[in-house]
Amino acid sequence: MPDMSPDAAKAISRIPSGCSILTARTQTDRTGMLASWVQQAAFEPPIVSVAVKAGRPISDIIQTAGGFALNLLGENPGPMFKHFGKGFAPGEEAFADLDTNDVEFGIAIPDRIALLSCKLVATQKVGDHDVHFGEVVRANVDEALPTPYVHIRKSGSSY
């Protein structure tokens, strides 16, 4: 496969995205990660997609759990970026020092503007990522309706 050209990387980096904390849990495993490749994929039923780099442990937990939760971040994501941006090894406690609640398929974190609990309907390997598609089975929105965070990456060829 050819490497991405510098022009393609620069152009792709200008695609804006939001940022979310993707969480999943089973009886024995709980984890979360910073996710910026999240998109609505269908209206009926409501389905969202999230791309996860192949080999990340959360993908196996999503498969076992049969779903995931997305915590959508507002315009001040700094504390959650700092906490989840480093990533977590398998078995490492991802939610230490956070006030969380278990929700269907995942974990609700503080400082979110919305929460989507999603039942896994499909997973597709695409390039170097696994794209998980989830039907929204429950949703909560912060009534204050803060502005969602919009992210522009520095490079379209890496995180």
Protein backbone atom coordinates (compact mmCIF):
# COMPACT_ATOMS: atom_id res chain seq x y z
CA MET A 1 0.00 0.00 0.00
CA PRO A 2 1.44 3.40 -0.92
CA ASP A 3 2.19 5.93 1.79
CA MET A 4 -0.13 8.89 2.13
CA SER A 5 1.10 11.94 0.24
CA PRO A 6 1.86 15.09 2.24
CA ASP A 7 -0.95 16.93 0.41
CA ALA A 8 -3.47 14.18 1.25
CA ALA A 9 -2.38 14.18 4.92
CA LYS A 10 -2.73 17.96 5.10
CA ALA A 11 -6.14 17.96 3.40
CA ILE A 12 -7.51 15.09 5.52
CA SER A 13 -6.34 16.82 8.72
CA ARG A 14 -8.77 19.63 7.97
CA ILE A 15 -11.81 17.39 8.34
CA PRO A 16 -13.39 18.53 11.63
CA SER A 17 -14.62 16.02 14.19
CA GLY A 18 -16.02 16.00 17.65
CA CYS A 19 -14.38 14.12 20.48
CA SER A 20 -15.91 11.48 22.67
CA ILE A 21 -14.87 9.08 25.35
CA LEU A 22 -15.70 5.59 24.10
CA THR A 23 -16.35 3.17 26.96
CA ALA A 24 -17.20 -0.51 27.18
CA ARG A 25 -17.61 -2.96 30.02
CA THR A 26 -18.18 -6.61 30.76
CA GLN A 27 -18.49 -8.38 34.12
CA THR A 28 -14.68 -8.46 34.37
CA ASP A 29 -13.34 -5.66 32.13
CA ARG A 30 -13.94 -1.90 32.00
CA THR A 31 -12.09 0.54 29.81
CA GLY A 32 -12.32 3.79 27.90
CA MET A 33 -10.48 5.73 25.25
CA LEU A 34 -10.50 9.09 23.51
CA ALA A 35 -12.31 8.73 20.16
CA SER A 36 -12.55 11.40 17.49
CA TRP A 37 -13.80 9.31 14.57
CA VAL A 38 -17.47 9.11 15.53
CA GLN A 39 -20.29 9.65 13.06
CA GLN A 40 -24.02 9.16 12.72
CA ALA A 41 -24.51 6.28 10.27
CA ALA A 42 -28.33 5.85 10.03
CA PHE A 43 -31.64 7.44 11.03
CA GLU A 44 -33.91 4.39 11.37
CA PRO A 45 -32.91 2.84 13.59
CA PRO A 46 -30.50 5.48 14.93
CA ILE A 47 -26.99 4.10 14.41
CA VAL A 48 -23.59 5.65 15.08
CA SER A 49 -20.15 4.47 14.05
CA VAL A 50 -16.84 4.74 15.86
CA ALA A 51 -13.43 3.85 14.44
CA VAL A 52 -10.86 2.20 16.73
CA LYS A 53 -7.27 1.45 15.73
CA ALA A 54 -6.94 -2.29 15.09
CA GLY A 55 -5.54 -4.19 18.06
CA ARG A 56 -6.83 -1.83 20.77
CA PRO A 57 -8.14 -3.93 23.70
CA ILE A 58 -11.44 -2.01 23.80
CA SER A 59 -12.54 -3.66 20.53
CA ASP A 60 -12.53 -7.10 22.17
CA ILE A 61 -14.50 -5.73 25.13
CA ILE A 62 -17.06 -4.17 22.76
CA GLN A 63 -17.49 -7.54 21.02
CA THR A 64 -17.92 -9.40 24.32
CA ALA A 65 -20.24 -6.76 25.82
CA GLY A 66 -22.33 -6.52 22.68
CA GLY A 67 -22.15 -2.75 22.68
CA PHE A 68 -20.49 0.45 23.85
CA ALA A 69 -21.23 3.88 25.29
CA LEU A 70 -20.16 7.22 23.86
CA ASN A 71 -19.69 10.19 26.17
CA LEU A 72 -19.76 13.30 23.95
CA LEU A 73 -17.48 16.11 25.11
CA GLY A 74 -18.20 19.82 25.28
CA GLU A 75 -16.07 22.80 24.39
CA ASN A 76 -13.70 22.35 27.37
CA PRO A 77 -12.46 18.76 26.98
CA GLY A 78 -9.05 19.35 28.62
CA PRO A 79 -9.49 17.22 31.76
CA MET A 80 -10.91 14.24 29.83
CA PHE A 81 -8.23 14.59 27.12
CA LYS A 82 -5.56 14.48 29.79
CA HIS A 83 -7.12 11.47 31.52
CA PHE A 84 -8.00 9.31 28.50
CA GLY A 85 -5.47 10.54 25.94
CA LYS A 86 -2.64 8.42 27.34
CA GLY A 87 -4.49 5.13 26.76
CA PHE A 88 -4.74 2.16 29.09
CA ALA A 89 -3.13 -1.27 29.08
CA PRO A 90 -5.40 -4.33 29.35
CA GLY A 91 -6.57 -4.63 32.96
CA GLU A 92 -5.41 -1.11 33.89
CA GLU A 93 -8.05 0.92 35.75
CA ALA A 94 -9.29 3.50 33.22
CA PHE A 95 -11.67 5.33 35.55
CA ALA A 96 -9.54 5.97 38.64
CA ASP A 97 -10.45 9.25 40.38
CA LEU A 98 -13.51 9.82 38.16
CA ASP A 99 -17.11 9.91 39.36
CA THR A 100 -18.65 7.36 36.98
CA ASN A 101 -21.85 5.35 36.61
CA ASP A 102 -22.33 2.07 34.83
CA VAL A 103 -24.76 2.31 31.92
CA GLU A 104 -25.89 -0.26 29.41
CA PHE A 105 -22.76 -1.48 27.56
CA GLY A 106 -20.39 1.11 29.07
CA ILE A 107 -19.61 3.78 31.61
CA ALA A 108 -20.92 7.34 31.99
CA ILE A 109 -18.18 9.83 32.83
CA PRO A 110 -18.40 13.35 34.30
CA ASP A 111 -18.21 16.52 32.16
CA ARG A 112 -20.04 15.05 29.18
CA ILE A 113 -22.69 16.93 27.20
CA ALA A 114 -24.48 13.79 26.00
CA LEU A 115 -24.35 10.03 26.43
CA LEU A 116 -25.25 7.34 23.89
CA SER A 117 -25.62 3.69 24.94
CA CYS A 118 -25.30 1.59 21.80
CA LYS A 119 -26.03 -2.06 20.99
CA LEU A 120 -23.40 -3.41 18.59
CA VAL A 121 -24.95 -4.23 15.20
CA ALA A 122 -21.81 -4.69 13.08
CA THR A 123 -18.04 -4.35 13.04
CA GLN A 124 -16.07 -3.84 9.84
CA LYS A 125 -12.31 -3.84 9.41
CA VAL A 126 -11.36 -0.82 7.30
CA GLY A 127 -7.66 -0.24 6.64
CA ASP A 128 -5.85 -0.07 9.98
CA HIS A 129 -9.07 0.46 12.00
CA ASP A 130 -12.10 -1.50 13.17
CA VAL A 131 -15.33 0.43 12.68
CA HIS A 132 -18.01 -0.49 15.21
CA PHE A 133 -21.64 0.33 14.38
CA GLY A 134 -24.04 0.67 17.30
CA GLU A 135 -27.78 1.19 17.48
CA VAL A 136 -28.58 3.90 20.03
CA VAL A 137 -30.74 2.21 22.65
CA ARG A 138 -30.58 4.97 25.28
CA ALA A 139 -29.49 8.58 25.23
CA ASN A 140 -29.11 11.37 27.76
CA VAL A 141 -28.46 15.03 27.00
CA ASP A 142 -27.21 17.74 29.35
CA GLU A 143 -30.14 20.16 29.54
CA ALA A 144 -27.80 23.17 29.60
CA LEU A 145 -26.87 22.24 25.99
CA PRO A 146 -23.22 23.33 26.03
CA THR A 147 -21.43 23.67 22.73
CA PRO A 148 -19.83 20.46 21.43
CA TYR A 149 -16.06 20.43 21.09
CA VAL A 150 -14.80 20.55 17.50
CA HIS A 151 -11.38 19.05 16.82
CA ILE A 152 -9.01 19.72 13.90
CA ARG A 153 -6.03 17.35 13.79
CA LYS A 154 -2.50 18.52 12.98
CA SER A 155 -1.98 15.62 10.58
CA GLY A 156 -4.23 13.43 8.49
CA SER A 157 -1.70 10.57 8.67
CA SER A 158 -1.46 10.10 12.45
CA TYR A 159 -3.22 10.91 15.71
